[in-house]
């Protein structure tokens, strides 16, 4: 189960880093990394489905993908974008 969760989390990272509007790297990863991310996501969800059953496996797999996919851009933008306080008082 750990392999499935790690594959799903790695797919989130690859999807984010290959996006043209990502803010973590100076240049996004090449577009073909999205295919690798998709294969990792499908593999992770398939492994979770085989281990936990269809309904629970899909539910867990998609939530393991969805939560980091929502949180990674928010966390990265918090540390990289201009709305963070830059000293001085307001």
PDB file of N, CA and C in Angstrom:
ATOM      1  N   UNK A   1       0.831  -1.188   0.000  1.00  0.00           N
ATOM      2  CA  UNK A   1       0.000   0.000   0.000  1.00  0.00           C
ATOM      3  C   UNK A   1       0.875   1.251   0.000  1.00  0.00           C
ATOM      4  N   UNK A   2       2.021   1.164   0.644  1.00  0.00           N
ATOM      5  CA  UNK A   2       2.932   2.307   0.673  1.00  0.00           C
ATOM      6  C   UNK A   2       3.415   2.661  -0.730  1.00  0.00           C
ATOM      7  N   UNK A   3       3.668   1.647  -1.551  1.00  0.00           N
ATOM      8  CA  UNK A   3       4.112   1.893  -2.929  1.00  0.00           C
ATOM      9  C   UNK A   3       3.030   2.621  -3.714  1.00  0.00           C
ATOM     10  N   UNK A   4       1.779   2.237  -3.518  1.00  0.00           N
ATOM     11  CA  UNK A   4       0.666   2.878  -4.224  1.00  0.00           C
ATOM     12  C   UNK A   4       0.530   4.341  -3.819  1.00  0.00           C
ATOM     13  N   UNK A   5       0.647   4.614  -2.533  1.00  0.00           N
ATOM     14  CA  UNK A   5       0.529   5.994  -2.059  1.00  0.00           C
ATOM     15  C   UNK A   5       1.708   6.828  -2.552  1.00  0.00           C
ATOM     16  N   UNK A   6       2.911   6.274  -2.509  1.00  0.00           N
ATOM     17  CA  UNK A   6       4.084   7.015  -3.002  1.00  0.00           C
ATOM     18  C   UNK A   6       4.013   7.277  -4.501  1.00  0.00           C
ATOM     19  N   UNK A   7       3.515   6.308  -5.262  1.00  0.00           N
ATOM     20  CA  UNK A   7       3.356   6.518  -6.710  1.00  0.00           C
ATOM     21  C   UNK A   7       2.340   7.618  -6.988  1.00  0.00           C
ATOM     22  N   UNK A   8       1.265   7.634  -6.219  1.00  0.00           N
ATOM     23  CA  UNK A   8       0.246   8.662  -6.403  1.00  0.00           C
ATOM     24  C   UNK A   8       0.777  10.041  -6.026  1.00  0.00           C
ATOM     25  N   UNK A   9       1.522  10.124  -4.932  1.00  0.00           N
ATOM     26  CA  UNK A   9       2.099  11.408  -4.529  1.00  0.00           C
ATOM     27  C   UNK A   9       3.164  11.882  -5.516  1.00  0.00           C
ATOM     28  N   UNK A  10       3.946  10.957  -6.052  1.00  0.00           N
ATOM     29  CA  UNK A  10       4.938  11.330  -7.064  1.00  0.00           C
ATOM     30  C   UNK A  10       4.259  11.833  -8.336  1.00  0.00           C
ATOM     31  N   UNK A  11       3.104  11.261  -8.668  1.00  0.00           N
ATOM     32  CA  UNK A  11       2.391  11.747  -9.854  1.00  0.00           C
ATOM     33  C   UNK A  11       1.891  13.168  -9.641  1.00  0.00           C
ATOM     34  N   UNK A  12       1.489  13.491  -8.419  1.00  0.00           N
ATOM     35  CA  UNK A  12       1.072  14.866  -8.113  1.00  0.00           C
ATOM     36  C   UNK A  12       2.239  15.822  -8.335  1.00  0.00           C
ATOM     37  N   UNK A  13       3.413  15.451  -7.832  1.00  0.00           N
ATOM     38  CA  UNK A  13       4.595  16.305  -7.986  1.00  0.00           C
ATOM     39  C   UNK A  13       4.947  16.480  -9.456  1.00  0.00           C
ATOM     40  N   UNK A  14       4.893  15.408 -10.232  1.00  0.00           N
ATOM     41  CA  UNK A  14       5.219  15.522 -11.660  1.00  0.00           C
ATOM     42  C   UNK A  14       4.182  16.348 -12.408  1.00  0.00           C
ATOM     43  N   UNK A  15       2.914  16.165 -12.089  1.00  0.00           N
ATOM     44  CA  UNK A  15       1.886  16.998 -12.726  1.00  0.00           C
ATOM     45  C   UNK A  15       2.121  18.475 -12.418  1.00  0.00           C
ATOM     46  N   UNK A  16       2.428  18.779 -11.171  1.00  0.00           N
ATOM     47  CA  UNK A  16       2.643  20.179 -10.802  1.00  0.00           C
ATOM     48  C   UNK A  16       3.892  20.739 -11.477  1.00  0.00           C
ATOM     49  N   UNK A  17       4.986  20.004 -11.436  1.00  0.00           N
ATOM     50  CA  UNK A  17       6.241  20.522 -11.985  1.00  0.00           C
ATOM     51  C   UNK A  17       6.243  20.606 -13.508  1.00  0.00           C
ATOM     52  N   UNK A  18       5.347  19.893 -14.179  1.00  0.00           N
ATOM     53  CA  UNK A  18       5.271  19.993 -15.632  1.00  0.00           C
ATOM     54  C   UNK A  18       4.269  21.042 -16.102  1.00  0.00           C
ATOM     55  N   UNK A  19       3.555  21.652 -15.186  1.00  0.00           N
ATOM     56  CA  UNK A  19       2.596  22.694 -15.543  1.00  0.00           C
ATOM     57  C   UNK A  19       3.336  23.983 -15.901  1.00  0.00           C
ATOM     58  N   UNK A  20       2.867  24.676 -16.902  1.00  0.00           N
ATOM     59  CA  UNK A  20       3.576  25.888 -17.338  1.00  0.00           C
ATOM     60  C   UNK A  20       3.445  27.038 -16.351  1.00  0.00           C
ATOM     61  N   UNK A  21       2.487  26.966 -15.432  1.00  0.00           N
ATOM     62  CA  UNK A  21       2.322  28.030 -14.448  1.00  0.00           C
ATOM     63  C   UNK A  21       2.832  27.646 -13.061  1.00  0.00           C
ATOM     64  N   UNK A  22       3.602  26.573 -12.980  1.00  0.00           N
ATOM     65  CA  UNK A  22       4.164  26.190 -11.689  1.00  0.00           C
ATOM     66  C   UNK A  22       5.179  27.229 -11.244  1.00  0.00           C
ATOM     67  N   UNK A  23       5.371  27.359  -9.944  1.00  0.00           N
ATOM     68  CA  UNK A  23       6.238  28.403  -9.403  1.00  0.00           C
ATOM     69  C   UNK A  23       7.423  27.844  -8.615  1.00  0.00           C
ATOM     70  N   UNK A  24       7.642  26.546  -8.689  1.00  0.00           N
ATOM     71  CA  UNK A  24       8.708  25.941  -7.918  1.00  0.00           C
ATOM     72  C   UNK A  24      10.029  25.975  -8.676  1.00  0.00           C
ATOM     73  N   UNK A  25      10.004  25.635  -9.957  1.00  0.00           N
ATOM     74  CA  UNK A  25      11.201  25.618 -10.792  1.00  0.00           C
ATOM     75  C   UNK A  25      11.205  26.833 -11.716  1.00  0.00           C
ATOM     76  N   UNK A  26      12.386  27.167 -12.214  1.00  0.00           N
ATOM     77  CA  UNK A  26      12.466  28.275 -13.168  1.00  0.00           C
ATOM     78  C   UNK A  26      11.802  27.908 -14.493  1.00  0.00           C
ATOM     79  N   UNK A  27      11.986  26.683 -14.946  1.00  0.00           N
ATOM     80  CA  UNK A  27      11.362  26.188 -16.169  1.00  0.00           C
ATOM     81  C   UNK A  27      10.569  24.936 -15.830  1.00  0.00           C
ATOM     82  N   UNK A  28       9.375  24.773 -16.406  1.00  0.00           N
ATOM     83  CA  UNK A  28       8.620  23.540 -16.131  1.00  0.00           C
ATOM     84  C   UNK A  28       9.304  22.327 -16.759  1.00  0.00           C
ATOM     85  N   UNK A  29       8.982  21.169 -16.242  1.00  0.00           N
ATOM     86  CA  UNK A  29       9.493  19.926 -16.813  1.00  0.00           C
ATOM     87  C   UNK A  29       8.884  19.720 -18.195  1.00  0.00           C
ATOM     88  N   UNK A  30       9.510  18.918 -19.041  1.00  0.00           N
ATOM     89  CA  UNK A  30       8.951  18.676 -20.384  1.00  0.00           C
ATOM     90  C   UNK A  30       7.553  18.067 -20.322  1.00  0.00           C
ATOM     91  N   UNK A  31       6.828  18.237 -21.394  1.00  0.00           N
ATOM     92  CA  UNK A  31       5.425  17.809 -21.436  1.00  0.00           C
ATOM     93  C   UNK A  31       5.276  16.292 -21.326  1.00  0.00           C
ATOM     94  N   UNK A  32       6.277  15.528 -21.747  1.00  0.00           N
ATOM     95  CA  UNK A  32       6.154  14.069 -21.691  1.00  0.00           C
ATOM     96  C   UNK A  32       6.149  13.555 -20.257  1.00  0.00           C
ATOM     97  N   UNK A  33       6.540  14.373 -19.292  1.00  0.00           N
ATOM     98  CA  UNK A  33       6.479  13.920 -17.899  1.00  0.00           C
ATOM     99  C   UNK A  33       5.028  13.799 -17.417  1.00  0.00           C
ATOM    100  N   UNK A  34       4.113  14.461 -18.095  1.00  0.00           N
ATOM    101  CA  UNK A  34       2.696  14.298 -17.747  1.00  0.00           C
ATOM    102  C   UNK A  34       2.220  12.880 -18.057  1.00  0.00           C
ATOM    103  N   UNK A  35       2.763  12.282 -19.105  1.00  0.00           N
ATOM    104  CA  UNK A  35       2.420  10.895 -19.415  1.00  0.00           C
ATOM    105  C   UNK A  35       2.930   9.966 -18.315  1.00  0.00           C
ATOM    106  N   UNK A  36       4.140  10.202 -17.842  1.00  0.00           N
ATOM    107  CA  UNK A  36       4.689   9.412 -16.739  1.00  0.00           C
ATOM    108  C   UNK A  36       3.838   9.608 -15.488  1.00  0.00           C
ATOM    109  N   UNK A  37       3.436  10.858 -15.221  1.00  0.00           N
ATOM    110  CA  UNK A  37       2.593  11.134 -14.055  1.00  0.00           C
ATOM    111  C   UNK A  37       1.253  10.427 -14.166  1.00  0.00           C
ATOM    112  N   UNK A  38       0.676  10.426 -15.356  1.00  0.00           N
ATOM    113  CA  UNK A  38      -0.601   9.749 -15.551  1.00  0.00           C
ATOM    114  C   UNK A  38      -0.463   8.247 -15.342  1.00  0.00           C
ATOM    115  N   UNK A  39       0.612   7.661 -15.848  1.00  0.00           N
ATOM    116  CA  UNK A  39       0.833   6.228 -15.651  1.00  0.00           C
ATOM    117  C   UNK A  39       1.051   5.894 -14.176  1.00  0.00           C
ATOM    118  N   UNK A  40       1.774   6.761 -13.466  1.00  0.00           N
ATOM    119  CA  UNK A  40       1.977   6.542 -12.033  1.00  0.00           C
ATOM    120  C   UNK A  40       0.662   6.665 -11.270  1.00  0.00           C
ATOM    121  N   UNK A  41      -0.171   7.608 -11.649  1.00  0.00           N
ATOM    122  CA  UNK A  41      -1.473   7.778 -11.002  1.00  0.00           C
ATOM    123  C   UNK A  41      -2.356   6.562 -11.235  1.00  0.00           C
ATOM    124  N   UNK A  42      -2.439   6.115 -12.465  1.00  0.00           N
ATOM    125  CA  UNK A  42      -3.263   4.947 -12.779  1.00  0.00           C
ATOM    126  C   UNK A  42      -2.725   3.716 -12.049  1.00  0.00           C
ATOM    127  N   UNK A  43      -1.406   3.556 -12.027  1.00  0.00           N
ATOM    128  CA  UNK A  43      -0.817   2.419 -11.319  1.00  0.00           C
ATOM    129  C   UNK A  43      -1.087   2.467  -9.824  1.00  0.00           C
ATOM    130  N   UNK A  44      -0.947   3.648  -9.234  1.00  0.00           N
ATOM    131  CA  UNK A  44      -1.213   3.779  -7.800  1.00  0.00           C
ATOM    132  C   UNK A  44      -2.656   3.505  -7.450  1.00  0.00           C
ATOM    133  N   UNK A  45      -3.577   4.054  -8.237  1.00  0.00           N
ATOM    134  CA  UNK A  45      -5.002   3.823  -7.969  1.00  0.00           C
ATOM    135  C   UNK A  45      -5.359   2.357  -8.230  1.00  0.00           C
ATOM    136  N   UNK A  46      -4.748   1.757  -9.238  1.00  0.00           N
ATOM    137  CA  UNK A  46      -5.005   0.336  -9.508  1.00  0.00           C
ATOM    138  C   UNK A  46      -4.503  -0.535  -8.359  1.00  0.00           C
ATOM    139  N   UNK A  47      -3.319  -0.235  -7.835  1.00  0.00           N
ATOM    140  CA  UNK A  47      -2.812  -0.997  -6.696  1.00  0.00           C
ATOM    141  C   UNK A  47      -3.709  -0.833  -5.470  1.00  0.00           C
ATOM    142  N   UNK A  48      -4.152   0.386  -5.213  1.00  0.00           N
ATOM    143  CA  UNK A  48      -5.058   0.605  -4.084  1.00  0.00           C
ATOM    144  C   UNK A  48      -6.385  -0.119  -4.290  1.00  0.00           C
ATOM    145  N   UNK A  49      -6.874  -0.154  -5.519  1.00  0.00           N
ATOM    146  CA  UNK A  49      -8.118  -0.849  -5.823  1.00  0.00           C
ATOM    147  C   UNK A  49      -7.966  -2.354  -5.615  1.00  0.00           C
ATOM    148  N   UNK A  50      -6.804  -2.890  -6.008  1.00  0.00           N
ATOM    149  CA  UNK A  50      -6.576  -4.326  -5.806  1.00  0.00           C
ATOM    150  C   UNK A  50      -6.447  -4.670  -4.322  1.00  0.00           C
ATOM    151  N   UNK A  51      -5.876  -3.786  -3.542  1.00  0.00           N
ATOM    152  CA  UNK A  51      -5.667  -4.080  -2.132  1.00  0.00           C
ATOM    153  C   UNK A  51      -6.898  -3.816  -1.277  1.00  0.00           C
ATOM    154  N   UNK A  52      -7.661  -2.784  -1.607  1.00  0.00           N
ATOM    155  CA  UNK A  52      -8.761  -2.356  -0.738  1.00  0.00           C
ATOM    156  C   UNK A  52     -10.143  -2.647  -1.299  1.00  0.00           C
ATOM    157  N   UNK A  53     -10.230  -3.117  -2.507  1.00  0.00           N
ATOM    158  CA  UNK A  53     -11.528  -3.292  -3.151  1.00  0.00           C
ATOM    159  C   UNK A  53     -11.810  -2.111  -4.056  1.00  0.00           C
ATOM    160  N   UNK A  54     -12.784  -2.265  -4.924  1.00  0.00           N
ATOM    161  CA  UNK A  54     -13.023  -1.251  -5.953  1.00  0.00           C
ATOM    162  C   UNK A  54     -13.480   0.077  -5.360  1.00  0.00           C
ATOM    163  N   UNK A  55     -14.530   0.085  -4.585  1.00  0.00           N
ATOM    164  CA  UNK A  55     -15.082   1.360  -4.122  1.00  0.00           C
ATOM    165  C   UNK A  55     -14.139   2.064  -3.151  1.00  0.00           C
ATOM    166  N   UNK A  56     -13.598   1.334  -2.185  1.00  0.00           N
ATOM    167  CA  UNK A  56     -12.699   1.956  -1.212  1.00  0.00           C
ATOM    168  C   UNK A  56     -11.377   2.337  -1.876  1.00  0.00           C
ATOM    169  N   UNK A  57     -10.869   1.489  -2.759  1.00  0.00           N
ATOM    170  CA  UNK A  57      -9.619   1.782  -3.442  1.00  0.00           C
ATOM    171  C   UNK A  57      -9.691   3.018  -4.315  1.00  0.00           C
ATOM    172  N   UNK A  58     -10.780   3.162  -5.056  1.00  0.00           N
ATOM    173  CA  UNK A  58     -10.948   4.366  -5.876  1.00  0.00           C
ATOM    174  C   UNK A  58     -11.102   5.604  -5.001  1.00  0.00           C
ATOM    175  N   UNK A  59     -11.866   5.489  -3.941  1.00  0.00           N
ATOM    176  CA  UNK A  59     -12.075   6.617  -3.034  1.00  0.00           C
ATOM    177  C   UNK A  59     -10.752   7.068  -2.425  1.00  0.00           C
ATOM    178  N   UNK A  60     -10.003   6.129  -1.877  1.00  0.00           N
ATOM    179  CA  UNK A  60      -8.727   6.463  -1.240  1.00  0.00           C
ATOM    180  C   UNK A  60      -7.736   6.965  -2.277  1.00  0.00           C
ATOM    181  N   UNK A  61      -7.648   6.293  -3.416  1.00  0.00           N
ATOM    182  CA  UNK A  61      -6.699   6.696  -4.449  1.00  0.00           C
ATOM    183  C   UNK A  61      -6.944   8.096  -4.977  1.00  0.00           C
ATOM    184  N   UNK A  62      -8.187   8.414  -5.222  1.00  0.00           N
ATOM    185  CA  UNK A  62      -8.487   9.743  -5.742  1.00  0.00           C
ATOM    186  C   UNK A  62      -8.309  10.827  -4.687  1.00  0.00           C
ATOM    187  N   UNK A  63      -8.584  10.517  -3.421  1.00  0.00           N
ATOM    188  CA  UNK A  63      -8.336  11.506  -2.374  1.00  0.00           C
ATOM    189  C   UNK A  63      -6.848  11.683  -2.106  1.00  0.00           C
ATOM    190  N   UNK A  64      -6.083  10.598  -2.205  1.00  0.00           N
ATOM    191  CA  UNK A  64      -4.629  10.725  -2.043  1.00  0.00           C
ATOM    192  C   UNK A  64      -4.057  11.583  -3.167  1.00  0.00           C
ATOM    193  N   UNK A  65      -4.690  11.573  -4.321  1.00  0.00           N
ATOM    194  CA  UNK A  65      -4.263  12.447  -5.418  1.00  0.00           C
ATOM    195  C   UNK A  65      -4.804  13.871  -5.246  1.00  0.00           C
ATOM    196  N   UNK A  66      -6.065  13.993  -4.875  1.00  0.00           N
ATOM    197  CA  UNK A  66      -6.723  15.301  -4.856  1.00  0.00           C
ATOM    198  C   UNK A  66      -6.182  16.229  -3.779  1.00  0.00           C
ATOM    199  N   UNK A  67      -6.024  15.743  -2.576  1.00  0.00           N
ATOM    200  CA  UNK A  67      -5.573  16.627  -1.490  1.00  0.00           C
ATOM    201  C   UNK A  67      -4.194  17.227  -1.751  1.00  0.00           C
ATOM    202  N   UNK A  68      -3.184  16.432  -2.105  1.00  0.00           N
ATOM    203  CA  UNK A  68      -1.901  17.072  -2.424  1.00  0.00           C
ATOM    204  C   UNK A  68      -1.972  17.954  -3.673  1.00  0.00           C
ATOM    205  N   UNK A  69      -2.820  17.573  -4.642  1.00  0.00           N
ATOM    206  CA  UNK A  69      -2.932  18.397  -5.850  1.00  0.00           C
ATOM    207  C   UNK A  69      -3.510  19.772  -5.513  1.00  0.00           C
ATOM    208  N   UNK A  70      -4.310  19.858  -4.481  1.00  0.00           N
ATOM    209  CA  UNK A  70      -4.828  21.154  -4.038  1.00  0.00           C
ATOM    210  C   UNK A  70      -3.830  21.888  -3.153  1.00  0.00           C
ATOM    211  N   UNK A  71      -3.145  21.153  -2.309  1.00  0.00           N
ATOM    212  CA  UNK A  71      -2.276  21.784  -1.314  1.00  0.00           C
ATOM    213  C   UNK A  71      -0.916  22.209  -1.856  1.00  0.00           C
ATOM    214  N   UNK A  72      -0.340  21.453  -2.771  1.00  0.00           N
ATOM    215  CA  UNK A  72       0.998  21.793  -3.282  1.00  0.00           C
ATOM    216  C   UNK A  72       1.034  23.182  -3.914  1.00  0.00           C
ATOM    217  N   UNK A  73       0.119  23.543  -4.829  1.00  0.00           N
ATOM    218  CA  UNK A  73       0.166  24.907  -5.374  1.00  0.00           C
ATOM    219  C   UNK A  73      -0.049  25.984  -4.321  1.00  0.00           C
ATOM    220  N   UNK A  74      -0.910  25.713  -3.343  1.00  0.00           N
ATOM    221  CA  UNK A  74      -1.142  26.709  -2.297  1.00  0.00           C
ATOM    222  C   UNK A  74       0.103  26.915  -1.435  1.00  0.00           C
ATOM    223  N   UNK A  75       0.760  25.838  -1.064  1.00  0.00           N
ATOM    224  CA  UNK A  75       1.955  25.949  -0.228  1.00  0.00           C
ATOM    225  C   UNK A  75       3.095  26.606  -0.987  1.00  0.00           C
ATOM    226  N   UNK A  76       3.314  26.190  -2.229  1.00  0.00           N
ATOM    227  CA  UNK A  76       4.400  26.776  -3.022  1.00  0.00           C
ATOM    228  C   UNK A  76       4.142  28.253  -3.272  1.00  0.00           C
ATOM    229  N   UNK A  77       2.915  28.604  -3.611  1.00  0.00           N
ATOM    230  CA  UNK A  77       2.632  30.016  -3.881  1.00  0.00           C
ATOM    231  C   UNK A  77       2.733  30.859  -2.616  1.00  0.00           C
ATOM    232  N   UNK A  78       2.476  30.274  -1.465  1.00  0.00           N
ATOM    233  CA  UNK A  78       2.611  31.018  -0.216  1.00  0.00           C
ATOM    234  C   UNK A  78       4.052  31.454   0.001  1.00  0.00           C
ATOM    235  N   UNK A  79       4.984  30.606  -0.365  1.00  0.00           N
ATOM    236  CA  UNK A  79       6.393  30.934  -0.157  1.00  0.00           C
ATOM    237  C   UNK A  79       7.036  31.653  -1.330  1.00  0.00           C
ATOM    238  N   UNK A  80       6.403  31.656  -2.505  1.00  0.00           N
ATOM    239  CA  UNK A  80       7.030  32.230  -3.685  1.00  0.00           C
ATOM    240  C   UNK A  80       6.375  33.503  -4.213  1.00  0.00           C
ATOM    241  N   UNK A  81       5.116  33.740  -3.900  1.00  0.00           N
ATOM    242  CA  UNK A  81       4.407  34.853  -4.533  1.00  0.00           C
ATOM    243  C   UNK A  81       4.466  36.121  -3.704  1.00  0.00           C
ATOM    244  N   UNK A  82       3.922  37.181  -4.278  1.00  0.00           N
ATOM    245  CA  UNK A  82       4.114  38.522  -3.734  1.00  0.00           C
ATOM    246  C   UNK A  82       3.199  38.864  -2.565  1.00  0.00           C
ATOM    247  N   UNK A  83       2.191  38.070  -2.258  1.00  0.00           N
ATOM    248  CA  UNK A  83       1.306  38.468  -1.175  1.00  0.00           C
ATOM    249  C   UNK A  83       1.864  38.141   0.192  1.00  0.00           C
ATOM    250  N   UNK A  84       3.005  37.511   0.240  1.00  0.00           N
ATOM    251  CA  UNK A  84       3.652  37.254   1.526  1.00  0.00           C
ATOM    252  C   UNK A  84       4.255  38.571   2.037  1.00  0.00           C
ATOM    253  N   UNK A  85       4.155  38.818   3.319  1.00  0.00           N
ATOM    254  CA  UNK A  85       4.656  40.055   3.903  1.00  0.00           C
ATOM    255  C   UNK A  85       6.172  40.150   3.705  1.00  0.00           C
ATOM    256  N   UNK A  86       6.654  41.287   3.254  1.00  0.00           N
ATOM    257  CA  UNK A  86       8.066  41.480   2.942  1.00  0.00           C
ATOM    258  C   UNK A  86       8.728  42.477   3.868  1.00  0.00           C
ATOM    259  N   UNK A  87       8.346  42.538   5.100  1.00  0.00           N
ATOM    260  CA  UNK A  87       8.951  43.476   6.021  1.00  0.00           C
ATOM    261  C   UNK A  87       8.203  44.798   6.028  1.00  0.00           C
ATOM    262  N   UNK A  88       8.527  45.629   7.001  1.00  0.00           N
ATOM    263  CA  UNK A  88       7.818  46.886   7.122  1.00  0.00           C
ATOM    264  C   UNK A  88       6.462  46.676   7.758  1.00  0.00           C
ATOM    265  N   UNK A  89       5.856  47.728   8.185  1.00  0.00           N
ATOM    266  CA  UNK A  89       4.549  47.607   8.816  1.00  0.00           C
ATOM    267  C   UNK A  89       3.469  48.179   7.915  1.00  0.00           C
ATOM    268  N   UNK A  90       2.294  47.664   8.068  1.00  0.00           N
ATOM    269  CA  UNK A  90       1.163  48.147   7.266  1.00  0.00           C
ATOM    270  C   UNK A  90       0.163  48.794   8.152  1.00  0.00           C
TER     271      UNK A  90
END
